Amino acid sequence: MAGAERNVISLLREQLKTVHEILEGTMADVTPEQAHWTPPGVALPIGATYAHVIVSEDGVVNGMFRGGAPLFAAAWAGKTGLSELPPPFDPKKPGFPDWSGWSRKVKVDLPALNAYAQAVYAASDDYLASLRGKDLDRPVDLAALGLGQSTVGFVINNGILGNAFTHCGEISCLKGLQGKRGYPF
């Protein structure tokens, strides 16, 4: 692998490691009561938001990219810490599924969800470690989401990293609304 390709993959792995550390640091002191608190408006509770980040990363890496079953449907089936999985994508309804109803009824076992998250993080790093620079240009069809054609690199950067950083900010805000310090720094 050429130096530039190696550097890009190394950078993505470092960014993924960083976002996982910040997310886990932000979640470290969340209590079950805080995780299930229903905020005013349409924001998802902390536990459901955390679950969204983990389940989405698993689905993208192990389902979409690897073409296999996500961990939540295979080795971690029934052990994710979620009383029920979020609604799946429906190919008959383009766009993202509405998780608002699910987010207000799901029960989250934070230690179990964290254990599942660690398995997802390891699988994601293994996947990224297997990539070569040209793999980032592989086409990915996101038409079912209303996003058209894309690439593996775009999905890693926006669908995994961007999603995790963005929702970590939401979790931090929701902690603040409950009187807790948001980020761990």
N, C-alpha and C. Protein backbone atom coordinates (compact mmCIF):
# COMPACT_ATOMS: atom_id res chain seq x y z
N MET A 1 0.86 -1.17 0.00
CA MET A 1 0.00 0.00 0.00
C MET A 1 0.90 1.23 0.00
N ALA A 2 0.61 2.16 -0.87
CA ALA A 2 1.40 3.38 -0.97
C ALA A 2 1.26 4.22 0.29
N GLY A 3 2.25 5.09 0.53
CA GLY A 3 2.27 5.90 1.74
C GLY A 3 1.03 6.75 1.94
N ALA A 4 0.55 7.41 0.88
CA ALA A 4 -0.63 8.27 0.99
C ALA A 4 -1.86 7.44 1.34
N GLU A 5 -2.01 6.28 0.71
CA GLU A 5 -3.15 5.41 1.02
C GLU A 5 -3.10 4.95 2.47
N ARG A 6 -1.93 4.57 2.92
CA ARG A 6 -1.75 4.12 4.31
C ARG A 6 -2.10 5.26 5.27
N ASN A 7 -1.68 6.49 4.92
CA ASN A 7 -1.97 7.63 5.77
C ASN A 7 -3.47 7.92 5.87
N VAL A 8 -4.18 7.78 4.77
CA VAL A 8 -5.63 8.03 4.78
C VAL A 8 -6.32 7.00 5.67
N ILE A 9 -5.98 5.74 5.50
CA ILE A 9 -6.59 4.68 6.31
C ILE A 9 -6.21 4.87 7.79
N SER A 10 -4.95 5.20 8.06
CA SER A 10 -4.52 5.45 9.44
C SER A 10 -5.29 6.62 10.05
N LEU A 11 -5.50 7.66 9.27
CA LEU A 11 -6.24 8.82 9.75
C LEU A 11 -7.69 8.43 10.08
N LEU A 12 -8.33 7.69 9.20
CA LEU A 12 -9.71 7.27 9.47
C LEU A 12 -9.79 6.40 10.72
N ARG A 13 -8.82 5.50 10.88
CA ARG A 13 -8.82 4.65 12.09
C ARG A 13 -8.63 5.50 13.34
N GLU A 14 -7.74 6.48 13.28
CA GLU A 14 -7.51 7.36 14.43
C GLU A 14 -8.76 8.19 14.73
N GLN A 15 -9.42 8.69 13.70
CA GLN A 15 -10.65 9.46 13.91
C GLN A 15 -11.73 8.59 14.53
N LEU A 16 -11.85 7.37 14.07
CA LEU A 16 -12.86 6.46 14.61
C LEU A 16 -12.55 6.13 16.07
N LYS A 17 -11.29 5.88 16.37
CA LYS A 17 -10.89 5.62 17.75
C LYS A 17 -11.23 6.82 18.63
N THR A 18 -10.95 8.02 18.14
CA THR A 18 -11.21 9.24 18.90
C THR A 18 -12.69 9.44 19.16
N VAL A 19 -13.51 9.28 18.14
CA VAL A 19 -14.95 9.49 18.35
C VAL A 19 -15.51 8.45 19.31
N HIS A 20 -15.02 7.23 19.24
CA HIS A 20 -15.47 6.20 20.19
C HIS A 20 -15.07 6.59 21.61
N GLU A 21 -13.85 7.08 21.79
CA GLU A 21 -13.40 7.49 23.13
C GLU A 21 -14.22 8.65 23.66
N ILE A 22 -14.51 9.63 22.82
CA ILE A 22 -15.30 10.79 23.27
C ILE A 22 -16.73 10.36 23.58
N LEU A 23 -17.31 9.52 22.73
CA LEU A 23 -18.67 9.04 22.97
C LEU A 23 -18.73 8.26 24.27
N GLU A 24 -17.79 7.35 24.48
CA GLU A 24 -17.80 6.54 25.70
C GLU A 24 -17.52 7.40 26.94
N GLY A 25 -16.65 8.39 26.81
CA GLY A 25 -16.40 9.30 27.91
C GLY A 25 -17.64 10.12 28.25
N THR A 26 -18.37 10.52 27.23
CA THR A 26 -19.61 11.28 27.44
C THR A 26 -20.67 10.41 28.09
N MET A 27 -20.71 9.14 27.76
CA MET A 27 -21.71 8.21 28.30
C MET A 27 -21.32 7.65 29.66
N ALA A 28 -20.07 7.78 30.08
CA ALA A 28 -19.55 7.08 31.26
C ALA A 28 -20.35 7.28 32.53
N ASP A 29 -20.87 8.47 32.76
CA ASP A 29 -21.58 8.73 34.02
C ASP A 29 -23.09 8.84 33.85
N VAL A 30 -23.60 8.42 32.70
CA VAL A 30 -25.05 8.48 32.47
C VAL A 30 -25.73 7.37 33.28
N THR A 31 -26.73 7.75 34.04
CA THR A 31 -27.50 6.79 34.84
C THR A 31 -28.66 6.25 34.00
N PRO A 32 -29.24 5.13 34.41
CA PRO A 32 -30.41 4.62 33.69
C PRO A 32 -31.54 5.65 33.62
N GLU A 33 -31.73 6.42 34.69
CA GLU A 33 -32.79 7.43 34.69
C GLU A 33 -32.51 8.51 33.64
N GLN A 34 -31.26 8.94 33.57
CA GLN A 34 -30.89 9.95 32.57
C GLN A 34 -30.99 9.39 31.16
N ALA A 35 -30.63 8.12 30.99
CA ALA A 35 -30.68 7.50 29.66
C ALA A 35 -32.10 7.41 29.13
N HIS A 36 -33.08 7.27 30.03
CA HIS A 36 -34.47 7.10 29.61
C HIS A 36 -35.31 8.37 29.71
N TRP A 37 -34.71 9.46 30.22
CA TRP A 37 -35.42 10.73 30.33
C TRP A 37 -35.88 11.19 28.95
N THR A 38 -37.17 11.52 28.83
CA THR A 38 -37.72 11.98 27.56
C THR A 38 -37.63 13.50 27.50
N PRO A 39 -36.80 14.01 26.62
CA PRO A 39 -36.67 15.45 26.52
C PRO A 39 -37.91 16.07 25.86
N PRO A 40 -38.12 17.36 26.11
CA PRO A 40 -39.24 18.01 25.43
C PRO A 40 -38.97 18.09 23.93
N GLY A 41 -40.02 18.23 23.17
CA GLY A 41 -39.86 18.33 21.73
C GLY A 41 -39.69 16.97 21.09
N VAL A 42 -38.84 16.90 20.08
CA VAL A 42 -38.70 15.66 19.31
C VAL A 42 -37.34 14.98 19.46
N ALA A 43 -36.48 15.52 20.32
CA ALA A 43 -35.17 14.90 20.53
C ALA A 43 -35.33 13.51 21.13
N LEU A 44 -34.44 12.61 20.74
CA LEU A 44 -34.46 11.25 21.28
C LEU A 44 -33.81 11.24 22.66
N PRO A 45 -34.25 10.35 23.56
CA PRO A 45 -33.58 10.20 24.84
C PRO A 45 -32.11 9.76 24.64
N ILE A 46 -31.30 10.00 25.66
CA ILE A 46 -29.87 9.67 25.58
C ILE A 46 -29.64 8.21 25.21
N GLY A 47 -30.31 7.29 25.88
CA GLY A 47 -30.09 5.87 25.63
C GLY A 47 -30.38 5.49 24.18
N ALA A 48 -31.46 6.01 23.64
CA ALA A 48 -31.83 5.72 22.25
C ALA A 48 -30.83 6.37 21.28
N THR A 49 -30.34 7.55 21.62
CA THR A 49 -29.37 8.22 20.75
C THR A 49 -28.06 7.44 20.72
N TYR A 50 -27.61 7.01 21.89
CA TYR A 50 -26.40 6.18 21.98
C TYR A 50 -26.60 4.89 21.18
N ALA A 51 -27.74 4.25 21.35
CA ALA A 51 -28.04 3.02 20.61
C ALA A 51 -28.03 3.28 19.11
N HIS A 52 -28.58 4.42 18.70
CA HIS A 52 -28.60 4.76 17.27
C HIS A 52 -27.20 4.78 16.69
N VAL A 53 -26.27 5.40 17.40
CA VAL A 53 -24.89 5.49 16.91
C VAL A 53 -24.29 4.09 16.75
N ILE A 54 -24.48 3.26 17.76
CA ILE A 54 -23.85 1.93 17.76
C ILE A 54 -24.50 1.01 16.72
N VAL A 55 -25.82 0.94 16.73
CA VAL A 55 -26.54 0.07 15.79
C VAL A 55 -26.28 0.50 14.35
N SER A 56 -26.24 1.81 14.12
CA SER A 56 -25.98 2.30 12.76
C SER A 56 -24.59 1.93 12.28
N GLU A 57 -23.59 2.12 13.14
CA GLU A 57 -22.22 1.76 12.75
C GLU A 57 -22.12 0.27 12.46
N ASP A 58 -22.74 -0.54 13.28
CA ASP A 58 -22.75 -1.99 13.07
C ASP A 58 -23.40 -2.33 11.73
N GLY A 59 -24.56 -1.74 11.47
CA GLY A 59 -25.27 -2.01 10.22
C GLY A 59 -24.48 -1.61 8.99
N VAL A 60 -23.82 -0.45 9.07
CA VAL A 60 -23.04 0.02 7.92
C VAL A 60 -21.82 -0.86 7.71
N VAL A 61 -21.03 -1.08 8.75
CA VAL A 61 -19.77 -1.81 8.59
C VAL A 61 -20.01 -3.28 8.30
N ASN A 62 -20.78 -3.94 9.16
CA ASN A 62 -20.93 -5.39 9.03
C ASN A 62 -22.00 -5.80 8.03
N GLY A 63 -22.99 -4.96 7.84
CA GLY A 63 -24.04 -5.26 6.87
C GLY A 63 -23.72 -4.72 5.49
N MET A 64 -23.69 -3.39 5.37
CA MET A 64 -23.50 -2.75 4.06
C MET A 64 -22.11 -3.00 3.48
N PHE A 65 -21.06 -2.73 4.24
CA PHE A 65 -19.71 -2.84 3.70
C PHE A 65 -19.25 -4.29 3.56
N ARG A 66 -19.42 -5.07 4.60
CA ARG A 66 -18.94 -6.46 4.57
C ARG A 66 -19.94 -7.40 3.90
N GLY A 67 -21.18 -6.97 3.77
CA GLY A 67 -22.19 -7.80 3.11
C GLY A 67 -22.66 -8.97 3.94
N GLY A 68 -22.44 -8.93 5.24
CA GLY A 68 -22.88 -10.00 6.13
C GLY A 68 -23.97 -9.51 7.07
N ALA A 69 -24.18 -10.25 8.11
CA ALA A 69 -25.17 -9.86 9.12
C ALA A 69 -24.50 -8.91 10.11
N PRO A 70 -25.18 -7.84 10.47
CA PRO A 70 -24.66 -7.00 11.54
C PRO A 70 -24.55 -7.83 12.83
N LEU A 71 -23.69 -7.42 13.73
CA LEU A 71 -23.52 -8.15 14.99
C LEU A 71 -24.83 -8.27 15.75
N PHE A 72 -25.69 -7.22 15.68
CA PHE A 72 -26.96 -7.27 16.40
C PHE A 72 -27.88 -8.37 15.89
N ALA A 73 -27.62 -8.88 14.70
CA ALA A 73 -28.44 -9.96 14.13
C ALA A 73 -27.69 -11.28 14.11
N ALA A 74 -26.47 -11.29 14.61
CA ALA A 74 -25.64 -12.51 14.59
C ALA A 74 -25.12 -12.77 16.00
N ALA A 75 -23.83 -12.61 16.21
CA ALA A 75 -23.19 -12.96 17.49
C ALA A 75 -23.79 -12.22 18.69
N TRP A 76 -24.33 -11.03 18.48
CA TRP A 76 -24.88 -10.23 19.59
C TRP A 76 -26.40 -10.20 19.59
N ALA A 77 -27.03 -11.05 18.80
CA ALA A 77 -28.50 -11.09 18.78
C ALA A 77 -29.03 -11.37 20.18
N GLY A 78 -29.95 -10.50 20.64
CA GLY A 78 -30.53 -10.64 21.96
C GLY A 78 -29.62 -10.21 23.10
N LYS A 79 -28.42 -9.70 22.79
CA LYS A 79 -27.47 -9.31 23.84
C LYS A 79 -27.00 -7.86 23.70
N THR A 80 -27.71 -7.06 22.92
CA THR A 80 -27.28 -5.69 22.66
C THR A 80 -27.56 -4.74 23.82
N GLY A 81 -28.40 -5.14 24.75
CA GLY A 81 -28.80 -4.25 25.82
C GLY A 81 -30.04 -3.44 25.48
N LEU A 82 -30.64 -3.73 24.35
CA LEU A 82 -31.85 -3.03 23.92
C LEU A 82 -33.05 -3.96 24.05
N SER A 83 -34.14 -3.45 24.62
CA SER A 83 -35.34 -4.28 24.75
C SER A 83 -35.91 -4.64 23.39
N GLU A 84 -35.64 -3.81 22.41
CA GLU A 84 -36.01 -4.09 21.02
C GLU A 84 -35.11 -3.28 20.11
N LEU A 85 -34.86 -3.80 18.94
CA LEU A 85 -34.04 -3.09 17.97
C LEU A 85 -34.86 -1.97 17.33
N PRO A 86 -34.19 -0.94 16.83
CA PRO A 86 -34.91 0.14 16.16
C PRO A 86 -35.53 -0.34 14.86
N PRO A 87 -36.51 0.42 14.35
CA PRO A 87 -37.12 0.03 13.08
C PRO A 87 -36.07 -0.04 11.98
N PRO A 88 -36.12 -1.08 11.16
CA PRO A 88 -35.14 -1.20 10.07
C PRO A 88 -35.52 -0.31 8.89
N PHE A 89 -34.62 -0.17 7.97
CA PHE A 89 -34.91 0.54 6.74
C PHE A 89 -35.95 -0.26 5.96
N ASP A 90 -36.88 0.45 5.36
CA ASP A 90 -37.93 -0.17 4.55
C ASP A 90 -37.71 0.24 3.10
N PRO A 91 -37.30 -0.73 2.24
CA PRO A 91 -37.02 -0.37 0.85
C PRO A 91 -38.23 0.21 0.12
N LYS A 92 -39.42 -0.01 0.65
CA LYS A 92 -40.63 0.53 0.02
C LYS A 92 -40.86 1.99 0.40
N LYS A 93 -40.16 2.45 1.45
CA LYS A 93 -40.29 3.84 1.91
C LYS A 93 -38.91 4.48 1.89
N PRO A 94 -38.53 5.11 0.78
CA PRO A 94 -37.20 5.73 0.72
C PRO A 94 -37.00 6.73 1.85
N GLY A 95 -35.79 6.81 2.32
CA GLY A 95 -35.44 7.72 3.40
C GLY A 95 -35.14 6.96 4.67
N PHE A 96 -34.80 7.70 5.68
CA PHE A 96 -34.46 7.12 6.97
C PHE A 96 -35.73 6.75 7.73
N PRO A 97 -35.70 5.63 8.46
CA PRO A 97 -36.88 5.26 9.25
C PRO A 97 -37.09 6.25 10.40
N ASP A 98 -38.33 6.36 10.82
CA ASP A 98 -38.67 7.23 11.95
C ASP A 98 -38.46 6.44 13.24
N TRP A 99 -37.49 6.85 14.03
CA TRP A 99 -37.16 6.15 15.26
C TRP A 99 -37.79 6.82 16.47
N SER A 100 -38.61 7.86 16.28
CA SER A 100 -39.13 8.61 17.42
C SER A 100 -39.99 7.76 18.34
N GLY A 101 -40.91 6.98 17.82
CA GLY A 101 -41.74 6.13 18.66
C GLY A 101 -40.92 5.08 19.39
N TRP A 102 -40.03 4.44 18.66
CA TRP A 102 -39.14 3.43 19.26
C TRP A 102 -38.30 4.05 20.38
N SER A 103 -37.79 5.26 20.15
CA SER A 103 -36.88 5.89 21.11
C SER A 103 -37.53 6.14 22.46
N ARG A 104 -38.85 6.28 22.47
CA ARG A 104 -39.55 6.58 23.71
C ARG A 104 -40.06 5.35 24.44
N LYS A 105 -39.92 4.19 23.81
CA LYS A 105 -40.37 2.97 24.49
C LYS A 105 -39.24 1.96 24.73
N VAL A 106 -38.13 2.08 24.01
CA VAL A 106 -37.03 1.13 24.18
C VAL A 106 -36.44 1.26 25.58
N LYS A 107 -36.12 0.14 26.17
CA LYS A 107 -35.42 0.10 27.45
C LYS A 107 -33.97 -0.27 27.14
N VAL A 108 -33.07 0.51 27.74
CA VAL A 108 -31.65 0.35 27.46
C VAL A 108 -30.92 -0.09 28.72
N ASP A 109 -30.22 -1.21 28.61
CA ASP A 109 -29.33 -1.70 29.67
C ASP A 109 -27.94 -1.15 29.29
N LEU A 110 -27.53 -0.08 29.96
CA LEU A 110 -26.31 0.61 29.56
C LEU A 110 -25.05 -0.26 29.59
N PRO A 111 -24.81 -1.07 30.64
CA PRO A 111 -23.61 -1.92 30.61
C PRO A 111 -23.62 -2.93 29.44
N ALA A 112 -24.78 -3.50 29.16
CA ALA A 112 -24.87 -4.46 28.04
C ALA A 112 -24.68 -3.75 26.70
N LEU A 113 -25.29 -2.57 26.56
CA LEU A 113 -25.13 -1.81 25.32
C LEU A 113 -23.67 -1.40 25.13
N ASN A 114 -23.00 -1.04 26.22
CA ASN A 114 -21.59 -0.70 26.13
C ASN A 114 -20.74 -1.90 25.70
N ALA A 115 -21.05 -3.08 26.21
CA ALA A 115 -20.31 -4.29 25.80
C ALA A 115 -20.50 -4.55 24.31
N TYR A 116 -21.73 -4.41 23.84
CA TYR A 116 -22.02 -4.55 22.41
C TYR A 116 -21.26 -3.48 21.62
N ALA A 117 -21.25 -2.25 22.13
CA ALA A 117 -20.54 -1.16 21.46
C ALA A 117 -19.06 -1.51 21.29
N GLN A 118 -18.45 -2.08 22.32
CA GLN A 118 -17.03 -2.43 22.23
C GLN A 118 -16.79 -3.45 21.12
N ALA A 119 -17.71 -4.40 20.95
CA ALA A 119 -17.60 -5.38 19.86
C ALA A 119 -17.75 -4.70 18.50
N VAL A 120 -18.68 -3.76 18.40
CA VAL A 120 -18.86 -3.00 17.15
C VAL A 120 -17.60 -2.21 16.84
N TYR A 121 -17.05 -1.53 17.85
CA TYR A 121 -15.84 -0.74 17.63
C TYR A 121 -14.69 -1.61 17.13
N ALA A 122 -14.53 -2.78 17.73
CA ALA A 122 -13.46 -3.69 17.30
C ALA A 122 -13.68 -4.15 15.87
N ALA A 123 -14.92 -4.49 15.53
CA ALA A 123 -15.23 -4.93 14.16
C ALA A 123 -14.98 -3.81 13.17
N SER A 124 -15.32 -2.59 13.54
CA SER A 124 -15.10 -1.45 12.64
C SER A 124 -13.62 -1.20 12.42
N ASP A 125 -12.82 -1.27 13.49
CA ASP A 125 -11.39 -1.07 13.33
C ASP A 125 -10.78 -2.19 12.49
N ASP A 126 -11.21 -3.42 12.70
CA ASP A 126 -10.73 -4.54 11.88
C ASP A 126 -11.04 -4.30 10.41
N TYR A 127 -12.26 -3.81 10.15
CA TYR A 127 -12.64 -3.54 8.76
C TYR A 127 -11.75 -2.46 8.17
N LEU A 128 -11.60 -1.35 8.89
CA LEU A 128 -10.77 -0.26 8.37
C LEU A 128 -9.33 -0.71 8.16
N ALA A 129 -8.81 -1.54 9.07
CA ALA A 129 -7.44 -2.04 8.94
C ALA A 129 -7.27 -2.90 7.69
N SER A 130 -8.36 -3.50 7.21
CA SER A 130 -8.29 -4.35 6.03
C SER A 130 -8.35 -3.57 4.72
N LEU A 131 -8.67 -2.29 4.79
CA LEU A 131 -8.85 -1.50 3.58
C LEU A 131 -7.54 -1.06 2.96
N ARG A 132 -7.60 -0.82 1.68
CA ARG A 132 -6.54 -0.18 0.93
C ARG A 132 -7.15 1.11 0.39
N GLY A 133 -6.34 2.07 0.07
CA GLY A 133 -6.85 3.38 -0.36
C GLY A 133 -7.92 3.31 -1.43
N LYS A 134 -7.72 2.44 -2.42
CA LYS A 134 -8.69 2.34 -3.52
C LYS A 134 -10.06 1.85 -3.04
N ASP A 135 -10.09 1.13 -1.92
CA ASP A 135 -11.35 0.64 -1.38
C ASP A 135 -12.28 1.77 -0.98
N LEU A 136 -11.71 2.92 -0.63
CA LEU A 136 -12.52 4.06 -0.23
C LEU A 136 -13.35 4.62 -1.39
N ASP A 137 -12.94 4.32 -2.61
CA ASP A 137 -13.66 4.78 -3.80
C ASP A 137 -14.73 3.80 -4.28
N ARG A 138 -14.84 2.66 -3.60
CA ARG A 138 -15.84 1.67 -4.00
C ARG A 138 -17.23 2.29 -3.93
N PRO A 139 -18.05 2.10 -4.97
CA PRO A 139 -19.39 2.69 -4.96
C PRO A 139 -20.30 2.04 -3.93
N VAL A 140 -21.16 2.87 -3.35
CA VAL A 140 -22.17 2.42 -2.39
C VAL A 140 -23.49 3.05 -2.82
N ASP A 141 -24.50 2.22 -2.97
CA ASP A 141 -25.81 2.69 -3.40
C ASP A 141 -26.63 3.11 -2.17
N LEU A 142 -26.87 4.40 -2.03
CA LEU A 142 -27.66 4.93 -0.93
C LEU A 142 -29.01 5.47 -1.41
N ALA A 143 -29.44 4.99 -2.58
CA ALA A 143 -30.70 5.46 -3.15
C ALA A 143 -31.88 5.19 -2.23
N ALA A 144 -31.86 4.06 -1.53
CA ALA A 144 -32.97 3.72 -0.62
C ALA A 144 -33.11 4.74 0.50
N LEU A 145 -32.04 5.48 0.77
CA LEU A 145 -32.07 6.52 1.80
C LEU A 145 -32.34 7.89 1.21
N GLY A 146 -32.48 7.93 -0.12
CA GLY A 146 -32.67 9.21 -0.80
C GLY A 146 -31.38 9.97 -1.02
N LEU A 147 -30.24 9.26 -0.93
CA LEU A 147 -28.94 9.91 -1.06
C LEU A 147 -28.20 9.54 -2.34
N GLY A 148 -28.78 8.71 -3.19
CA GLY A 148 -28.15 8.36 -4.47
C GLY A 148 -26.91 7.50 -4.32
N GLN A 149 -25.99 7.69 -5.28
CA GLN A 149 -24.76 6.91 -5.29
C GLN A 149 -23.69 7.63 -4.47
N SER A 150 -22.88 6.84 -3.79
CA SER A 150 -21.84 7.40 -2.96
C SER A 150 -20.63 6.48 -2.99
N THR A 151 -19.73 6.64 -2.02
CA THR A 151 -18.55 5.79 -1.92
C THR A 151 -18.36 5.34 -0.48
N VAL A 152 -17.57 4.30 -0.32
CA VAL A 152 -17.23 3.81 1.02
C VAL A 152 -16.60 4.94 1.84
N GLY A 153 -15.69 5.70 1.25
CA GLY A 153 -15.04 6.79 1.96
C GLY A 153 -16.03 7.83 2.45
N PHE A 154 -16.98 8.19 1.62
CA PHE A 154 -18.00 9.17 2.02
C PHE A 154 -18.82 8.64 3.19
N VAL A 155 -19.21 7.38 3.12
CA VAL A 155 -20.04 6.80 4.18
C VAL A 155 -19.26 6.70 5.49
N ILE A 156 -17.99 6.32 5.42
CA ILE A 156 -17.18 6.28 6.64
C ILE A 156 -17.09 7.68 7.25
N ASN A 157 -16.76 8.66 6.41
CA ASN A 157 -16.56 10.02 6.89
C ASN A 157 -17.85 10.66 7.41
N ASN A 158 -18.94 10.47 6.72
CA ASN A 158 -20.19 11.14 7.08
C ASN A 158 -21.17 10.25 7.83
N GLY A 159 -21.34 9.03 7.37
CA GLY A 159 -22.34 8.13 7.96
C GLY A 159 -21.90 7.47 9.25
N ILE A 160 -20.60 7.36 9.47
CA ILE A 160 -20.10 6.76 10.71
C ILE A 160 -19.49 7.85 11.59
N LEU A 161 -18.42 8.48 11.12
CA LEU A 161 -17.74 9.50 11.93
C LEU A 161 -18.64 10.70 12.21
N GLY A 162 -19.21 11.28 11.17
CA GLY A 162 -20.08 12.45 11.34
C GLY A 162 -21.28 12.14 12.20
N ASN A 163 -21.88 10.98 11.99
CA ASN A 163 -23.04 10.57 12.78
C ASN A 163 -22.66 10.46 14.25
N ALA A 164 -21.54 9.84 14.54
CA ALA A 164 -21.12 9.65 15.94
C ALA A 164 -20.78 10.98 16.60
N PHE A 165 -20.02 11.84 15.92
CA PHE A 165 -19.67 13.13 16.51
C PHE A 165 -20.93 13.98 16.74
N THR A 166 -21.83 14.00 15.78
CA THR A 166 -23.04 14.80 15.89
C THR A 166 -23.91 14.34 17.05
N HIS A 167 -24.16 13.04 17.13
CA HIS A 167 -25.03 12.54 18.19
C HIS A 167 -24.36 12.59 19.56
N CYS A 168 -23.04 12.54 19.59
CA CYS A 168 -22.34 12.72 20.86
C CYS A 168 -22.62 14.12 21.39
N GLY A 169 -22.67 15.10 20.50
CA GLY A 169 -23.03 16.46 20.90
C GLY A 169 -24.45 16.53 21.44
N GLU A 170 -25.36 15.80 20.81
CA GLU A 170 -26.74 15.77 21.31
C GLU A 170 -26.80 15.16 22.70
N ILE A 171 -26.06 14.08 22.91
CA ILE A 171 -26.03 13.43 24.22
C ILE A 171 -25.47 14.40 25.26
N SER A 172 -24.41 15.12 24.90
CA SER A 172 -23.83 16.09 25.81
C SER A 172 -24.85 17.17 26.19
N CYS A 173 -25.59 17.65 25.22
CA CYS A 173 -26.63 18.65 25.47
C CYS A 173 -27.73 18.09 26.37
N LEU A 174 -28.18 16.87 26.09
CA LEU A 174 -29.24 16.26 26.89
C LEU A 174 -28.77 16.03 28.33
N LYS A 175 -27.50 15.73 28.52
CA LYS A 175 -26.97 15.63 29.89
C LYS A 175 -27.02 17.01 30.56
N GLY A 176 -26.64 18.04 29.83
CA GLY A 176 -26.67 19.39 30.38
C GLY A 176 -28.08 19.82 30.77
N LEU A 177 -29.06 19.45 29.98
CA LEU A 177 -30.45 19.77 30.31
C LEU A 177 -30.90 19.07 31.60
N GLN A 178 -30.19 18.00 31.96
CA GLN A 178 -30.51 17.27 33.19
C GLN A 178 -29.58 17.65 34.34
N GLY A 179 -28.81 18.72 34.12
CA GLY A 179 -27.94 19.21 35.20
C GLY A 179 -26.59 18.52 35.31
N LYS A 180 -26.21 17.74 34.32
CA LYS A 180 -24.93 17.02 34.34
C LYS A 180 -23.95 17.69 33.37
N ARG A 181 -22.68 17.47 33.60
CA ARG A 181 -21.65 17.91 32.66
C ARG A 181 -21.76 17.04 31.42
N GLY A 182 -21.71 17.65 30.26
CA GLY A 182 -21.86 16.92 29.00
C GLY A 182 -20.64 16.13 28.61
N TYR A 183 -19.73 16.76 27.91
CA TYR A 183 -18.52 16.08 27.46
C TYR A 183 -17.60 15.77 28.65
N PRO A 184 -16.72 14.80 28.48
CA PRO A 184 -15.83 14.43 29.59
C PRO A 184 -14.61 15.34 29.74
N PHE A 185 -14.51 16.37 28.95
CA PHE A 185 -13.33 17.25 29.02
C PHE A 185 -13.74 18.68 29.30
